[in-house]
Amino acid sequence: MPRYLHHQKVRLTPRAYERTRGVVEGYLKSAFGRMKLANIRRADVQRYATERSSKVAPGSALKELSILKHLFHLAVEWELIPVNPAQGMKMPRVPAGRVRYLQPAELHAVLEACPEWLRPVAGLLAFTGMRRSEVLGLRWLDVDRKGERIMLPQTKNGDGRVVWLNELSCQVLDSIPKNGARPTDSLFPPTGEVTPENVSLAFLRACRKVGVADFRLHDLRHTAASWLRMSGADLQDVAELLGHRDLRMTKRYSHLSPAHLSAAVKRLDCVFGNMLQLPAGTEGQGSTKSEEIGQSSCSIVPTASPKAQAEMIGTA
């Protein structure tokens, strides 16, 4: 296990490494530390998975087992064991992630209720879908205002990525005073107010002030992603914009509001037009007569010729 941690330390971000070290030293070491690596069997791993799943949240159990599985994978690469005892093991099923998003009017009310120092932070979160740590860690040199993008050197996943800016996020950036700041200075210098904990707490108070319940700062990211989807962006685009490595993380945004679904199906009216017409002489004869026609002699007659239909289908 010490070799595994040494291997991971140079490959993970400091925050990710600390999480991994906490799992290895806090849980895996106590469960497997006294066993010889070659003596660990799949039954041992399955027993650990069952025990942890009964004590912690499914996501936590999955994280621990993923680290354990990776540890065994490296042990095979290092030729310490012939096979991975966790390979092919059924992992705990994690429920779909929480998705809570605001309507535009609600978002406007919440931003209005935010303290002045918090408003640009919340605005960037809502209009770009960035994470709290990414926004609070921004430096002026990361912002390419002319190119309408933000260059994040390192994210939660350990990779850099580009955050593209829209007009609203550009307005937020333009509202932040530079006051002679150097390129390496932070957009939001850490002070008594601007700390991760205070930002989340002040935002929660703003939500309560305007009657928005069950909404957290991180849900602004969900708000951005949800409205991207409902505005026509596909899942791959949303994943790219949010910085998701795994498309499964983005599938939670497959949902669409009922109003959006209703509007979506009505688009077929524009595509197909008035393709149905009742036989002559049936207009205004009441529902009983219509039902009789529907059960007997009513036919569906296309209003366009076969050639015109073929052209329409070809263009669709």
C-alpha atoms as a PDB file:
ATOM      1  CA  MET A   1       0.000   0.000   0.000  1.00  0.00           C
ATOM      2  CA  PRO A   2       2.839   2.494   0.642  1.00  0.00           C
ATOM      3  CA  ARG A   3       4.102   1.788  -2.888  1.00  0.00           C
ATOM      4  CA  TYR A   4       0.655   2.471  -4.296  1.00  0.00           C
ATOM      5  CA  LEU A   5       0.393   5.805  -2.476  1.00  0.00           C
ATOM      6  CA  HIS A   6       3.874   6.804  -3.618  1.00  0.00           C
ATOM      7  CA  HIS A   7       2.886   5.947  -7.190  1.00  0.00           C
ATOM      8  CA  GLN A   8      -0.312   7.981  -7.006  1.00  0.00           C
ATOM      9  CA  LYS A   9       1.112  11.045  -5.283  1.00  0.00           C
ATOM     10  CA  VAL A  10       2.828  12.332  -8.418  1.00  0.00           C
ATOM     11  CA  ARG A  11      -0.147  11.500 -10.634  1.00  0.00           C
ATOM     12  CA  LEU A  12      -3.022  13.083  -8.710  1.00  0.00           C
ATOM     13  CA  THR A  13      -3.871  16.600  -7.676  1.00  0.00           C
ATOM     14  CA  PRO A  14      -3.087  17.290  -3.987  1.00  0.00           C
ATOM     15  CA  ARG A  15      -6.776  17.229  -3.134  1.00  0.00           C
ATOM     16  CA  ALA A  16      -7.415  13.967  -5.004  1.00  0.00           C
ATOM     17  CA  TYR A  17      -4.329  12.392  -3.422  1.00  0.00           C
ATOM     18  CA  GLU A  18      -5.523  13.282   0.076  1.00  0.00           C
ATOM     19  CA  ARG A  19      -8.864  11.638  -0.637  1.00  0.00           C
ATOM     20  CA  THR A  20      -7.112   8.523  -1.930  1.00  0.00           C
ATOM     21  CA  ARG A  21      -4.725   8.426   1.026  1.00  0.00           C
ATOM     22  CA  GLY A  22      -7.664   8.763   3.413  1.00  0.00           C
ATOM     23  CA  VAL A  23      -9.370   5.743   1.852  1.00  0.00           C
ATOM     24  CA  VAL A  24      -6.208   3.604   1.767  1.00  0.00           C
ATOM     25  CA  GLU A  25      -5.021   4.375   5.291  1.00  0.00           C
ATOM     26  CA  GLY A  26      -8.434   4.740   6.883  1.00  0.00           C
ATOM     27  CA  TYR A  27     -10.250   1.710   5.453  1.00  0.00           C
ATOM     28  CA  LEU A  28      -8.301  -0.537   3.068  1.00  0.00           C
ATOM     29  CA  LYS A  29      -5.279  -0.882   5.323  1.00  0.00           C
ATOM     30  CA  SER A  30      -7.355  -2.031   8.289  1.00  0.00           C
ATOM     31  CA  ALA A  31      -9.246  -4.540   6.112  1.00  0.00           C
ATOM     32  CA  PHE A  32      -6.380  -5.969   4.044  1.00  0.00           C
ATOM     33  CA  GLY A  33      -3.162  -4.707   5.644  1.00  0.00           C
ATOM     34  CA  ARG A  34      -2.442  -7.879   7.576  1.00  0.00           C
ATOM     35  CA  MET A  35      -3.091 -10.160   4.610  1.00  0.00           C
ATOM     36  CA  LYS A  36      -0.465 -11.156   2.087  1.00  0.00           C
ATOM     37  CA  LEU A  37      -1.280  -9.661  -1.297  1.00  0.00           C
ATOM     38  CA  ALA A  38      -1.136 -13.071  -2.985  1.00  0.00           C
ATOM     39  CA  ASN A  39      -3.628 -14.510  -0.475  1.00  0.00           C
ATOM     40  CA  ILE A  40      -6.406 -11.996  -1.141  1.00  0.00           C
ATOM     41  CA  ARG A  41      -9.280 -13.627  -3.012  1.00  0.00           C
ATOM     42  CA  ARG A  42     -12.386 -12.270  -4.701  1.00  0.00           C
ATOM     43  CA  ALA A  43     -14.463 -13.497  -1.757  1.00  0.00           C
ATOM     44  CA  ASP A  44     -12.439 -11.218   0.537  1.00  0.00           C
ATOM     45  CA  VAL A  45     -13.069  -8.236  -1.710  1.00  0.00           C
ATOM     46  CA  GLN A  46     -16.767  -9.072  -1.999  1.00  0.00           C
ATOM     47  CA  ARG A  47     -17.038  -9.374   1.775  1.00  0.00           C
ATOM     48  CA  TYR A  48     -15.456  -5.950   2.171  1.00  0.00           C
ATOM     49  CA  ALA A  49     -17.821  -4.480  -0.415  1.00  0.00           C
ATOM     50  CA  THR A  50     -20.874  -5.909   1.362  1.00  0.00           C
ATOM     51  CA  GLU A  51     -19.729  -4.662   4.744  1.00  0.00           C
ATOM     52  CA  ARG A  52     -18.914  -1.126   3.554  1.00  0.00           C
ATOM     53  CA  SER A  53     -22.107  -0.841   1.533  1.00  0.00           C
ATOM     54  CA  SER A  54     -24.106  -1.417   4.711  1.00  0.00           C
ATOM     55  CA  LYS A  55     -22.247   1.350   6.576  1.00  0.00           C
ATOM     56  CA  VAL A  56     -21.620   4.157   4.079  1.00  0.00           C
ATOM     57  CA  ALA A  57     -23.364   5.803   1.142  1.00  0.00           C
ATOM     58  CA  PRO A  58     -23.233   3.915  -2.184  1.00  0.00           C
ATOM     59  CA  GLY A  59     -21.000   6.599  -3.706  1.00  0.00           C
ATOM     60  CA  SER A  60     -18.466   6.258  -0.882  1.00  0.00           C
ATOM     61  CA  ALA A  61     -18.432   2.478  -1.164  1.00  0.00           C
ATOM     62  CA  LEU A  62     -17.936   2.714  -4.917  1.00  0.00           C
ATOM     63  CA  LYS A  63     -15.023   5.134  -4.456  1.00  0.00           C
ATOM     64  CA  GLU A  64     -13.300   2.805  -2.000  1.00  0.00           C
ATOM     65  CA  LEU A  65     -13.759  -0.220  -4.252  1.00  0.00           C
ATOM     66  CA  SER A  66     -12.523   1.695  -7.300  1.00  0.00           C
ATOM     67  CA  ILE A  67      -9.308   2.553  -5.460  1.00  0.00           C
ATOM     68  CA  LEU A  68      -8.943  -1.054  -4.289  1.00  0.00           C
ATOM     69  CA  LYS A  69      -9.503  -2.334  -7.817  1.00  0.00           C
ATOM     70  CA  HIS A  70      -6.901   0.079  -9.178  1.00  0.00           C
ATOM     71  CA  LEU A  71      -4.442  -0.971  -6.483  1.00  0.00           C
ATOM     72  CA  PHE A  72      -4.778  -4.617  -7.536  1.00  0.00           C
ATOM     73  CA  HIS A  73      -4.493  -3.624 -11.202  1.00  0.00           C
ATOM     74  CA  LEU A  74      -1.136  -1.975 -10.542  1.00  0.00           C
ATOM     75  CA  ALA A  75      -0.025  -4.981  -8.486  1.00  0.00           C
ATOM     76  CA  VAL A  76      -0.610  -7.140 -11.568  1.00  0.00           C
ATOM     77  CA  GLU A  77       1.381  -4.676 -13.722  1.00  0.00           C
ATOM     78  CA  TRP A  78       4.205  -4.772 -11.178  1.00  0.00           C
ATOM     79  CA  GLU A  79       4.083  -8.590 -11.348  1.00  0.00           C
ATOM     80  CA  LEU A  80       3.329  -8.922  -7.641  1.00  0.00           C
ATOM     81  CA  ILE A  81       0.205 -11.027  -8.259  1.00  0.00           C
ATOM     82  CA  PRO A  82      -0.916 -12.966 -11.352  1.00  0.00           C
ATOM     83  CA  VAL A  83      -4.557 -11.769 -11.461  1.00  0.00           C
ATOM     84  CA  ASN A  84      -6.693  -8.936 -10.096  1.00  0.00           C
ATOM     85  CA  PRO A  85      -9.038 -10.438  -7.452  1.00  0.00           C
ATOM     86  CA  ALA A  86     -11.451  -7.514  -7.903  1.00  0.00           C
ATOM     87  CA  GLN A  87     -11.650  -7.843 -11.690  1.00  0.00           C
ATOM     88  CA  GLY A  88     -15.196  -8.465 -12.865  1.00  0.00           C
ATOM     89  CA  MET A  89     -16.671  -7.974  -9.416  1.00  0.00           C
ATOM     90  CA  LYS A  90     -20.133  -6.389  -9.350  1.00  0.00           C
ATOM     91  CA  MET A  91     -19.812  -2.859  -8.054  1.00  0.00           C
ATOM     92  CA  PRO A  92     -22.441  -1.119  -5.874  1.00  0.00           C
ATOM     93  CA  ARG A  93     -25.144   0.684  -7.819  1.00  0.00           C
ATOM     94  CA  VAL A  94     -25.066   4.396  -7.175  1.00  0.00           C
ATOM     95  CA  PRO A  95     -28.378   6.269  -7.424  1.00  0.00           C
ATOM     96  CA  ALA A  96     -28.688   8.946 -10.078  1.00  0.00           C
ATOM     97  CA  GLY A  97     -27.082  12.186  -8.980  1.00  0.00           C
ATOM     98  CA  ARG A  98     -29.163  15.027  -7.619  1.00  0.00           C
ATOM     99  CA  VAL A  99     -30.419  17.498 -10.223  1.00  0.00           C
ATOM    100  CA  ARG A 100     -32.028  20.684  -8.941  1.00  0.00           C
ATOM    101  CA  TYR A 101     -32.200  23.712 -11.202  1.00  0.00           C
ATOM    102  CA  LEU A 102     -33.828  27.133 -11.121  1.00  0.00           C
ATOM    103  CA  GLN A 103     -36.226  28.779 -13.499  1.00  0.00           C
ATOM    104  CA  PRO A 104     -34.831  32.017 -15.005  1.00  0.00           C
ATOM    105  CA  ALA A 105     -37.060  34.209 -12.818  1.00  0.00           C
ATOM    106  CA  GLU A 106     -35.918  32.333  -9.693  1.00  0.00           C
ATOM    107  CA  LEU A 107     -32.265  32.708 -10.664  1.00  0.00           C
ATOM    108  CA  HIS A 108     -32.728  36.447 -11.201  1.00  0.00           C
ATOM    109  CA  ALA A 109     -34.323  36.798  -7.757  1.00  0.00           C
ATOM    110  CA  VAL A 110     -31.552  34.823  -6.049  1.00  0.00           C
ATOM    111  CA  LEU A 111     -28.778  36.845  -7.719  1.00  0.00           C
ATOM    112  CA  GLU A 112     -30.520  40.066  -6.701  1.00  0.00           C
ATOM    113  CA  ALA A 113     -30.629  38.827  -3.097  1.00  0.00           C
ATOM    114  CA  CYS A 114     -26.913  37.951  -3.028  1.00  0.00           C
ATOM    115  CA  PRO A 115     -24.530  40.354  -1.273  1.00  0.00           C
ATOM    116  CA  GLU A 116     -22.597  42.528  -3.717  1.00  0.00           C
ATOM    117  CA  TRP A 117     -19.344  40.630  -3.144  1.00  0.00           C
ATOM    118  CA  LEU A 118     -21.056  37.282  -3.839  1.00  0.00           C
ATOM    119  CA  ARG A 119     -22.979  38.258  -6.976  1.00  0.00           C
ATOM    120  CA  PRO A 120     -20.094  37.863  -9.499  1.00  0.00           C
ATOM    121  CA  VAL A 121     -19.137  34.490  -8.007  1.00  0.00           C
ATOM    122  CA  ALA A 122     -22.709  33.193  -8.248  1.00  0.00           C
ATOM    123  CA  GLY A 123     -23.105  34.720 -11.712  1.00  0.00           C
ATOM    124  CA  LEU A 124     -20.072  32.913 -13.108  1.00  0.00           C
ATOM    125  CA  LEU A 125     -21.229  29.636 -11.562  1.00  0.00           C
ATOM    126  CA  ALA A 126     -24.673  29.968 -13.145  1.00  0.00           C
ATOM    127  CA  PHE A 127     -23.622  31.277 -16.555  1.00  0.00           C
ATOM    128  CA  THR A 128     -20.643  28.940 -17.155  1.00  0.00           C
ATOM    129  CA  GLY A 129     -21.364  25.807 -15.087  1.00  0.00           C
ATOM    130  CA  MET A 130     -17.949  25.998 -13.426  1.00  0.00           C
ATOM    131  CA  ARG A 131     -17.252  24.481 -10.021  1.00  0.00           C
ATOM    132  CA  ARG A 132     -16.859  26.609  -6.900  1.00  0.00           C
ATOM    133  CA  SER A 133     -13.169  25.737  -6.589  1.00  0.00           C
ATOM    134  CA  GLU A 134     -12.584  26.691 -10.235  1.00  0.00           C
ATOM    135  CA  VAL A 135     -14.233  30.100  -9.888  1.00  0.00           C
ATOM    136  CA  LEU A 136     -12.565  30.993  -6.583  1.00  0.00           C
ATOM    137  CA  GLY A 137      -9.193  29.895  -7.967  1.00  0.00           C
ATOM    138  CA  LEU A 138      -9.367  32.096 -11.089  1.00  0.00           C
ATOM    139  CA  ARG A 139      -6.460  34.414 -11.836  1.00  0.00           C
ATOM    140  CA  TRP A 140      -6.544  37.293 -14.272  1.00  0.00           C
ATOM    141  CA  LEU A 141      -4.068  35.492 -16.523  1.00  0.00           C
ATOM    142  CA  ASP A 142      -6.575  32.643 -16.861  1.00  0.00           C
ATOM    143  CA  VAL A 143      -9.139  34.977 -18.459  1.00  0.00           C
ATOM    144  CA  ASP A 144      -8.912  35.527 -22.207  1.00  0.00           C
ATOM    145  CA  ARG A 145     -11.523  38.241 -22.498  1.00  0.00           C
ATOM    146  CA  LYS A 146     -10.828  38.899 -26.180  1.00  0.00           C
ATOM    147  CA  GLY A 147     -11.130  35.210 -27.035  1.00  0.00           C
ATOM    148  CA  GLU A 148     -14.179  34.883 -24.758  1.00  0.00           C
ATOM    149  CA  ARG A 149     -12.772  31.961 -22.820  1.00  0.00           C
ATOM    150  CA  ILE A 150     -11.213  30.989 -19.508  1.00  0.00           C
ATOM    151  CA  MET A 151      -8.192  28.702 -19.474  1.00  0.00           C
ATOM    152  CA  LEU A 152      -8.266  26.479 -16.394  1.00  0.00           C
ATOM    153  CA  PRO A 153      -4.766  25.064 -15.823  1.00  0.00           C
ATOM    154  CA  GLN A 154      -5.985  22.270 -13.544  1.00  0.00           C
ATOM    155  CA  THR A 155      -9.445  21.065 -12.604  1.00  0.00           C
ATOM    156  CA  LYS A 156     -10.896  18.525 -10.187  1.00  0.00           C
ATOM    157  CA  ASN A 157     -10.027  15.785 -12.699  1.00  0.00           C
ATOM    158  CA  GLY A 158      -6.409  16.902 -12.783  1.00  0.00           C
ATOM    159  CA  ASP A 159      -6.604  18.125 -16.390  1.00  0.00           C
ATOM    160  CA  GLY A 160      -6.728  21.616 -17.809  1.00  0.00           C
ATOM    161  CA  ARG A 161      -9.746  22.689 -19.814  1.00  0.00           C
ATOM    162  CA  VAL A 162     -11.255  25.638 -21.643  1.00  0.00           C
ATOM    163  CA  VAL A 163     -14.398  27.319 -20.335  1.00  0.00           C
ATOM    164  CA  TRP A 164     -16.174  29.214 -23.115  1.00  0.00           C
ATOM    165  CA  LEU A 165     -17.851  32.472 -22.197  1.00  0.00           C
ATOM    166  CA  ASN A 166     -21.247  33.777 -23.215  1.00  0.00           C
ATOM    167  CA  GLU A 167     -22.416  37.390 -23.084  1.00  0.00           C
ATOM    168  CA  LEU A 168     -23.706  37.114 -19.521  1.00  0.00           C
ATOM    169  CA  SER A 169     -20.454  35.691 -18.154  1.00  0.00           C
ATOM    170  CA  CYS A 170     -18.503  38.383 -20.016  1.00  0.00           C
ATOM    171  CA  GLN A 171     -20.672  41.021 -18.348  1.00  0.00           C
ATOM    172  CA  VAL A 172     -19.888  39.481 -14.964  1.00  0.00           C
ATOM    173  CA  LEU A 173     -16.151  39.543 -15.654  1.00  0.00           C
ATOM    174  CA  ASP A 174     -16.325  43.153 -16.834  1.00  0.00           C
ATOM    175  CA  SER A 175     -18.049  44.110 -13.573  1.00  0.00           C
ATOM    176  CA  ILE A 176     -15.151  42.878 -11.406  1.00  0.00           C
ATOM    177  CA  PRO A 177     -12.764  45.775 -10.593  1.00  0.00           C
ATOM    178  CA  LYS A 178      -9.119  45.077 -11.307  1.00  0.00           C
ATOM    179  CA  ASN A 179      -7.721  47.892  -9.148  1.00  0.00           C
ATOM    180  CA  GLY A 180      -4.254  47.528 -10.662  1.00  0.00           C
ATOM    181  CA  ALA A 181      -4.218  43.750 -10.207  1.00  0.00           C
ATOM    182  CA  ARG A 182      -1.307  41.800 -11.653  1.00  0.00           C
ATOM    183  CA  PRO A 183      -1.893  38.884 -14.044  1.00  0.00           C
ATOM    184  CA  THR A 184      -1.103  36.392 -11.296  1.00  0.00           C
ATOM    185  CA  ASP A 185      -3.575  37.965  -8.858  1.00  0.00           C
ATOM    186  CA  SER A 186      -6.866  36.248  -8.062  1.00  0.00           C
ATOM    187  CA  LEU A 187     -10.180  37.586  -9.325  1.00  0.00           C
ATOM    188  CA  PHE A 188     -11.574  36.859  -5.880  1.00  0.00           C
ATOM    189  CA  PRO A 189      -8.747  37.318  -3.351  1.00  0.00           C
ATOM    190  CA  PRO A 190      -9.350  35.189  -0.251  1.00  0.00           C
ATOM    191  CA  THR A 191     -10.541  37.480   2.531  1.00  0.00           C
ATOM    192  CA  GLY A 192     -12.707  37.144   5.601  1.00  0.00           C
ATOM    193  CA  GLU A 193     -15.746  36.975   3.302  1.00  0.00           C
ATOM    194  CA  VAL A 194     -14.494  35.177   0.206  1.00  0.00           C
ATOM    195  CA  THR A 195     -13.798  31.668   1.450  1.00  0.00           C
ATOM    196  CA  PRO A 196     -15.395  28.485   0.097  1.00  0.00           C
ATOM    197  CA  GLU A 197     -17.454  27.975   3.245  1.00  0.00           C
ATOM    198  CA  ASN A 198     -18.646  31.597   3.464  1.00  0.00           C
ATOM    199  CA  VAL A 199     -19.566  31.669  -0.224  1.00  0.00           C
ATOM    200  CA  SER A 200     -21.798  28.595   0.151  1.00  0.00           C
ATOM    201  CA  LEU A 201     -23.349  29.853   3.396  1.00  0.00           C
ATOM    202  CA  ALA A 202     -24.044  33.371   2.085  1.00  0.00           C
ATOM    203  CA  PHE A 203     -25.630  31.900  -1.038  1.00  0.00           C
ATOM    204  CA  LEU A 204     -27.888  29.658   1.052  1.00  0.00           C
ATOM    205  CA  ARG A 205     -29.045  32.708   3.005  1.00  0.00           C
ATOM    206  CA  ALA A 206     -29.826  34.551  -0.237  1.00  0.00           C
ATOM    207  CA  CYS A 207     -31.957  31.605  -1.398  1.00  0.00           C
ATOM    208  CA  ARG A 208     -33.896  31.555   1.852  1.00  0.00           C
ATOM    209  CA  LYS A 209     -34.407  35.297   1.655  1.00  0.00           C
ATOM    210  CA  VAL A 210     -36.382  34.966  -1.591  1.00  0.00           C
ATOM    211  CA  GLY A 211     -38.127  31.711  -0.682  1.00  0.00           C
ATOM    212  CA  VAL A 212     -36.057  29.320  -2.819  1.00  0.00           C
ATOM    213  CA  ALA A 213     -35.860  26.047  -0.894  1.00  0.00           C
ATOM    214  CA  ASP A 214     -33.613  23.006  -1.261  1.00  0.00           C
ATOM    215  CA  PHE A 215     -31.069  24.781  -3.427  1.00  0.00           C
ATOM    216  CA  ARG A 216     -27.308  24.838  -2.860  1.00  0.00           C
ATOM    217  CA  LEU A 217     -24.455  26.699  -4.465  1.00  0.00           C
ATOM    218  CA  HIS A 218     -23.376  23.648  -6.473  1.00  0.00           C
ATOM    219  CA  ASP A 219     -26.878  23.460  -7.950  1.00  0.00           C
ATOM    220  CA  LEU A 220     -26.013  26.532 -10.032  1.00  0.00           C
ATOM    221  CA  ARG A 221     -23.843  24.131 -12.052  1.00  0.00           C
ATOM    222  CA  HIS A 222     -26.889  21.893 -12.502  1.00  0.00           C
ATOM    223  CA  THR A 223     -28.918  24.945 -13.524  1.00  0.00           C
ATOM    224  CA  ALA A 224     -26.438  25.817 -16.273  1.00  0.00           C
ATOM    225  CA  ALA A 225     -26.311  22.223 -17.551  1.00  0.00           C
ATOM    226  CA  SER A 226     -30.073  21.737 -17.435  1.00  0.00           C
ATOM    227  CA  TRP A 227     -30.817  24.860 -19.442  1.00  0.00           C
ATOM    228  CA  LEU A 228     -28.081  24.005 -21.921  1.00  0.00           C
ATOM    229  CA  ARG A 229     -29.891  20.727 -22.555  1.00  0.00           C
ATOM    230  CA  MET A 230     -33.302  22.351 -22.775  1.00  0.00           C
ATOM    231  CA  SER A 231     -31.890  24.890 -25.220  1.00  0.00           C
ATOM    232  CA  GLY A 232     -30.787  22.152 -27.611  1.00  0.00           C
ATOM    233  CA  ALA A 233     -27.223  21.258 -26.556  1.00  0.00           C
ATOM    234  CA  ASP A 234     -26.498  17.522 -26.807  1.00  0.00           C
ATOM    235  CA  LEU A 235     -25.003  15.495 -23.976  1.00  0.00           C
ATOM    236  CA  GLN A 236     -21.525  15.466 -25.508  1.00  0.00           C
ATOM    237  CA  ASP A 237     -21.495  19.275 -25.678  1.00  0.00           C
ATOM    238  CA  VAL A 238     -22.668  19.546 -22.077  1.00  0.00           C
ATOM    239  CA  ALA A 239     -20.000  17.065 -20.934  1.00  0.00           C
ATOM    240  CA  GLU A 240     -17.316  19.091 -22.724  1.00  0.00           C
ATOM    241  CA  LEU A 241     -18.509  22.371 -21.245  1.00  0.00           C
ATOM    242  CA  LEU A 242     -18.721  20.972 -17.709  1.00  0.00           C
ATOM    243  CA  GLY A 243     -15.419  19.117 -17.923  1.00  0.00           C
ATOM    244  CA  HIS A 244     -16.867  15.636 -17.400  1.00  0.00           C
ATOM    245  CA  ARG A 245     -14.527  12.816 -18.356  1.00  0.00           C
ATOM    246  CA  ASP A 246     -17.253  10.209 -18.171  1.00  0.00           C
ATOM    247  CA  LEU A 247     -20.439  10.762 -20.156  1.00  0.00           C
ATOM    248  CA  ARG A 248     -22.328   8.838 -17.483  1.00  0.00           C
ATOM    249  CA  MET A 249     -21.952  11.871 -15.223  1.00  0.00           C
ATOM    250  CA  THR A 250     -23.722  13.972 -17.821  1.00  0.00           C
ATOM    251  CA  LYS A 251     -26.607  11.568 -18.406  1.00  0.00           C
ATOM    252  CA  ARG A 252     -28.356  12.946 -15.337  1.00  0.00           C
ATOM    253  CA  TYR A 253     -29.186  15.918 -17.567  1.00  0.00           C
ATOM    254  CA  SER A 254     -31.088  13.716 -19.995  1.00  0.00           C
ATOM    255  CA  HIS A 255     -34.218  14.885 -18.190  1.00  0.00           C
ATOM    256  CA  LEU A 256     -36.247  17.672 -19.740  1.00  0.00           C
ATOM    257  CA  SER A 257     -39.002  19.766 -18.219  1.00  0.00           C
ATOM    258  CA  PRO A 258     -42.601  18.777 -19.115  1.00  0.00           C
ATOM    259  CA  ALA A 259     -43.134  22.127 -20.833  1.00  0.00           C
ATOM    260  CA  HIS A 260     -40.044  21.545 -22.962  1.00  0.00           C
ATOM    261  CA  LEU A 261     -41.212  18.049 -23.923  1.00  0.00           C
ATOM    262  CA  SER A 262     -44.626  19.404 -24.859  1.00  0.00           C
ATOM    263  CA  ALA A 263     -43.016  22.064 -27.042  1.00  0.00           C
ATOM    264  CA  ALA A 264     -40.671  19.491 -28.569  1.00  0.00           C
ATOM    265  CA  VAL A 265     -43.419  17.160 -29.787  1.00  0.00           C
ATOM    266  CA  LYS A 266     -45.285  20.109 -31.323  1.00  0.00           C
ATOM    267  CA  ARG A 267     -42.328  20.650 -33.656  1.00  0.00           C
ATOM    268  CA  LEU A 268     -43.693  17.732 -35.674  1.00  0.00           C
ATOM    269  CA  ASP A 269     -46.615  19.976 -36.625  1.00  0.00           C
ATOM    270  CA  CYS A 270     -44.169  22.207 -38.491  1.00  0.00           C
ATOM    271  CA  VAL A 271     -42.420  19.222 -40.085  1.00  0.00           C
ATOM    272  CA  PHE A 272     -45.450  17.321 -41.373  1.00  0.00           C
ATOM    273  CA  GLY A 273     -47.990  20.131 -41.747  1.00  0.00           C
ATOM    274  CA  ASN A 274     -51.634  19.273 -42.509  1.00  0.00           C
ATOM    275  CA  MET A 275     -51.142  15.773 -43.866  1.00  0.00           C
ATOM    276  CA  LEU A 276     -54.601  14.485 -42.865  1.00  0.00           C
ATOM    277  CA  GLN A 277     -58.011  15.423 -44.270  1.00  0.00           C
ATOM    278  CA  LEU A 278     -61.388  13.843 -43.669  1.00  0.00           C
ATOM    279  CA  PRO A 279     -63.568  12.740 -46.606  1.00  0.00           C
ATOM    280  CA  ALA A 280     -65.712  15.506 -48.074  1.00  0.00           C
ATOM    281  CA  GLY A 281     -69.015  16.224 -46.311  1.00  0.00           C
ATOM    282  CA  THR A 282     -67.903  15.164 -42.821  1.00  0.00           C
ATOM    283  CA  GLU A 283     -67.125  18.642 -41.421  1.00  0.00           C
ATOM    284  CA  GLY A 284     -69.374  19.795 -38.596  1.00  0.00           C
ATOM    285  CA  GLN A 285     -71.408  16.569 -38.317  1.00  0.00           C
ATOM    286  CA  GLY A 286     -70.768  16.044 -34.611  1.00  0.00           C
ATOM    287  CA  SER A 287     -68.806  13.535 -32.622  1.00  0.00           C
ATOM    288  CA  THR A 288     -71.181  10.588 -33.121  1.00  0.00           C
ATOM    289  CA  LYS A 289     -70.968  10.753 -36.903  1.00  0.00           C
ATOM    290  CA  SER A 290     -67.203  11.223 -36.698  1.00  0.00           C
ATOM    291  CA  GLU A 291     -66.842   8.138 -34.545  1.00  0.00           C
ATOM    292  CA  GLU A 292     -68.902   6.123 -37.063  1.00  0.00           C
ATOM    293  CA  ILE A 293     -66.670   7.285 -39.872  1.00  0.00           C
ATOM    294  CA  GLY A 294     -63.589   6.491 -37.791  1.00  0.00           C
ATOM    295  CA  GLN A 295     -64.841   2.943 -37.265  1.00  0.00           C
ATOM    296  CA  SER A 296     -65.835   2.299 -40.860  1.00  0.00           C
ATOM    297  CA  SER A 297     -65.075   4.251 -43.978  1.00  0.00           C
ATOM    298  CA  CYS A 298     -62.707   7.009 -42.800  1.00  0.00           C
ATOM    299  CA  SER A 299     -59.440   7.012 -44.706  1.00  0.00           C
ATOM    300  CA  ILE A 300     -56.212   8.960 -44.293  1.00  0.00           C
ATOM    301  CA  VAL A 301     -55.528  10.894 -47.444  1.00  0.00           C
ATOM    302  CA  PRO A 302     -52.189  12.697 -47.866  1.00  0.00           C
ATOM    303  CA  THR A 303     -52.648  16.240 -49.123  1.00  0.00           C
ATOM    304  CA  ALA A 304     -49.488  16.094 -51.189  1.00  0.00           C
ATOM    305  CA  SER A 305     -48.667  13.942 -54.200  1.00  0.00           C
ATOM    306  CA  PRO A 306     -46.369  10.925 -53.766  1.00  0.00           C
ATOM    307  CA  LYS A 307     -43.559  12.863 -55.450  1.00  0.00           C
ATOM    308  CA  ALA A 308     -44.017  15.829 -53.114  1.00  0.00           C
ATOM    309  CA  GLN A 309     -44.102  13.496 -50.103  1.00  0.00           C
ATOM    310  CA  ALA A 310     -40.850  11.867 -51.159  1.00  0.00           C
ATOM    311  CA  GLU A 311     -39.192  15.276 -51.532  1.00  0.00           C
ATOM    312  CA  MET A 312     -40.457  16.339 -48.108  1.00  0.00           C
ATOM    313  CA  ILE A 313     -39.185  13.183 -46.444  1.00  0.00           C
ATOM    314  CA  GLY A 314     -35.846  13.583 -48.182  1.00  0.00           C
ATOM    315  CA  THR A 315     -35.400  17.105 -46.866  1.00  0.00           C
ATOM    316  CA  ALA A 316     -36.457  16.146 -43.356  1.00  0.00           C
END
